[in-house]
């Protein structure tokens, strides 16, 4: 998967938001508080999955541009 600078910065931002609850969840889970620890870990994983697989309105122009370029510019035929 080829990432541009904006996608990379977006992923770093999500990681900065996900790491604290994940660490807190792991600490609580190891400390014996299973419900809260597992909930924080599940929340962290859910945020990461949503970042990768949910299409947001900000993603739509890039998707449309890639499809348009794919239609207009055809790859050269190797003979």
C-alpha atoms as a PDB file:
ATOM      1  CA  UNK A   1       0.000   0.000   0.000  1.00  0.00           C
ATOM      2  CA  UNK A   2       1.430   3.349  -1.035  1.00  0.00           C
ATOM      3  CA  UNK A   3       0.833   6.125   1.490  1.00  0.00           C
ATOM      4  CA  UNK A   4       1.134   9.817   0.864  1.00  0.00           C
ATOM      5  CA  UNK A   5       2.271  12.297   3.473  1.00  0.00           C
ATOM      6  CA  UNK A   6      -1.301  13.178   4.503  1.00  0.00           C
ATOM      7  CA  UNK A   7      -2.290   9.544   5.060  1.00  0.00           C
ATOM      8  CA  UNK A   8       0.845   8.984   7.089  1.00  0.00           C
ATOM      9  CA  UNK A   9       0.216  12.053   9.259  1.00  0.00           C
ATOM     10  CA  UNK A  10      -3.378  10.931   9.769  1.00  0.00           C
ATOM     11  CA  UNK A  11      -2.233   7.498  10.904  1.00  0.00           C
ATOM     12  CA  UNK A  12       0.315   8.999  13.300  1.00  0.00           C
ATOM     13  CA  UNK A  13      -2.437  11.188  14.758  1.00  0.00           C
ATOM     14  CA  UNK A  14      -4.683   8.173  15.289  1.00  0.00           C
ATOM     15  CA  UNK A  15      -1.817   6.271  16.924  1.00  0.00           C
ATOM     16  CA  UNK A  16      -1.219   9.177  19.288  1.00  0.00           C
ATOM     17  CA  UNK A  17      -4.882   8.955  20.309  1.00  0.00           C
ATOM     18  CA  UNK A  18      -4.933   5.130  20.534  1.00  0.00           C
ATOM     19  CA  UNK A  19      -1.752   4.393  22.495  1.00  0.00           C
ATOM     20  CA  UNK A  20      -2.782   5.899  25.891  1.00  0.00           C
ATOM     21  CA  UNK A  21      -6.061   3.939  26.244  1.00  0.00           C
ATOM     22  CA  UNK A  22      -4.328   0.796  24.968  1.00  0.00           C
ATOM     23  CA  UNK A  23      -1.603   1.090  27.601  1.00  0.00           C
ATOM     24  CA  UNK A  24      -4.147   1.876  30.306  1.00  0.00           C
ATOM     25  CA  UNK A  25      -6.249  -1.091  29.210  1.00  0.00           C
ATOM     26  CA  UNK A  26      -3.249  -3.412  29.276  1.00  0.00           C
ATOM     27  CA  UNK A  27      -2.297  -2.172  32.741  1.00  0.00           C
ATOM     28  CA  UNK A  28      -5.820  -2.631  34.076  1.00  0.00           C
ATOM     29  CA  UNK A  29      -6.101  -6.026  32.435  1.00  0.00           C
ATOM     30  CA  UNK A  30      -2.866  -7.195  34.029  1.00  0.00           C
ATOM     31  CA  UNK A  31      -3.935  -5.612  37.334  1.00  0.00           C
ATOM     32  CA  UNK A  32      -7.053  -7.744  37.488  1.00  0.00           C
ATOM     33  CA  UNK A  33      -9.748  -5.331  36.273  1.00  0.00           C
ATOM     34  CA  UNK A  34     -10.807  -7.441  33.316  1.00  0.00           C
ATOM     35  CA  UNK A  35     -13.926  -5.576  32.194  1.00  0.00           C
ATOM     36  CA  UNK A  36     -12.454  -2.072  31.994  1.00  0.00           C
ATOM     37  CA  UNK A  37      -9.105  -3.300  30.660  1.00  0.00           C
ATOM     38  CA  UNK A  38     -10.663  -5.376  27.905  1.00  0.00           C
ATOM     39  CA  UNK A  39     -13.035  -2.521  27.044  1.00  0.00           C
ATOM     40  CA  UNK A  40     -10.166  -0.048  26.633  1.00  0.00           C
ATOM     41  CA  UNK A  41      -8.213  -2.492  24.484  1.00  0.00           C
ATOM     42  CA  UNK A  42     -11.282  -3.168  22.333  1.00  0.00           C
ATOM     43  CA  UNK A  43     -11.830   0.586  21.964  1.00  0.00           C
ATOM     44  CA  UNK A  44      -8.223   1.035  20.833  1.00  0.00           C
ATOM     45  CA  UNK A  45      -8.451  -1.753  18.267  1.00  0.00           C
ATOM     46  CA  UNK A  46     -11.779  -0.379  17.039  1.00  0.00           C
ATOM     47  CA  UNK A  47     -10.268   3.055  16.500  1.00  0.00           C
ATOM     48  CA  UNK A  48      -7.410   1.579  14.469  1.00  0.00           C
ATOM     49  CA  UNK A  49      -9.738  -0.544  12.352  1.00  0.00           C
ATOM     50  CA  UNK A  50     -12.071   2.399  11.733  1.00  0.00           C
ATOM     51  CA  UNK A  51      -9.141   4.550  10.630  1.00  0.00           C
ATOM     52  CA  UNK A  52      -8.055   2.008   8.043  1.00  0.00           C
ATOM     53  CA  UNK A  53     -11.374   0.737   6.673  1.00  0.00           C
ATOM     54  CA  UNK A  54     -14.048   3.438   7.106  1.00  0.00           C
ATOM     55  CA  UNK A  55     -14.367   5.923   4.266  1.00  0.00           C
ATOM     56  CA  UNK A  56     -14.780   9.497   5.485  1.00  0.00           C
ATOM     57  CA  UNK A  57     -15.986  12.510   3.505  1.00  0.00           C
ATOM     58  CA  UNK A  58     -12.375  13.725   3.359  1.00  0.00           C
ATOM     59  CA  UNK A  59     -11.375  10.519   1.538  1.00  0.00           C
ATOM     60  CA  UNK A  60     -13.914  10.892  -1.269  1.00  0.00           C
ATOM     61  CA  UNK A  61     -12.066  13.458  -3.441  1.00  0.00           C
ATOM     62  CA  UNK A  62      -8.929  11.294  -3.438  1.00  0.00           C
ATOM     63  CA  UNK A  63     -10.896   8.184  -4.354  1.00  0.00           C
ATOM     64  CA  UNK A  64     -12.676  10.019  -7.163  1.00  0.00           C
ATOM     65  CA  UNK A  65      -9.391  11.432  -8.486  1.00  0.00           C
ATOM     66  CA  UNK A  66      -7.744   7.987  -8.530  1.00  0.00           C
ATOM     67  CA  UNK A  67     -10.680   6.501 -10.440  1.00  0.00           C
ATOM     68  CA  UNK A  68     -10.703   9.393 -12.906  1.00  0.00           C
ATOM     69  CA  UNK A  69      -6.974   9.122 -13.548  1.00  0.00           C
ATOM     70  CA  UNK A  70      -7.357   5.359 -14.003  1.00  0.00           C
ATOM     71  CA  UNK A  71     -10.033   5.947 -16.633  1.00  0.00           C
ATOM     72  CA  UNK A  72      -8.217   8.724 -18.518  1.00  0.00           C
ATOM     73  CA  UNK A  73      -4.661   7.391 -18.399  1.00  0.00           C
ATOM     74  CA  UNK A  74      -4.391   3.841 -19.606  1.00  0.00           C
ATOM     75  CA  UNK A  75      -1.235   1.868 -18.815  1.00  0.00           C
ATOM     76  CA  UNK A  76       0.967   1.203 -21.852  1.00  0.00           C
ATOM     77  CA  UNK A  77       0.600  -2.150 -23.541  1.00  0.00           C
ATOM     78  CA  UNK A  78       3.764  -4.243 -23.449  1.00  0.00           C
ATOM     79  CA  UNK A  79       4.059  -6.268 -26.602  1.00  0.00           C
END
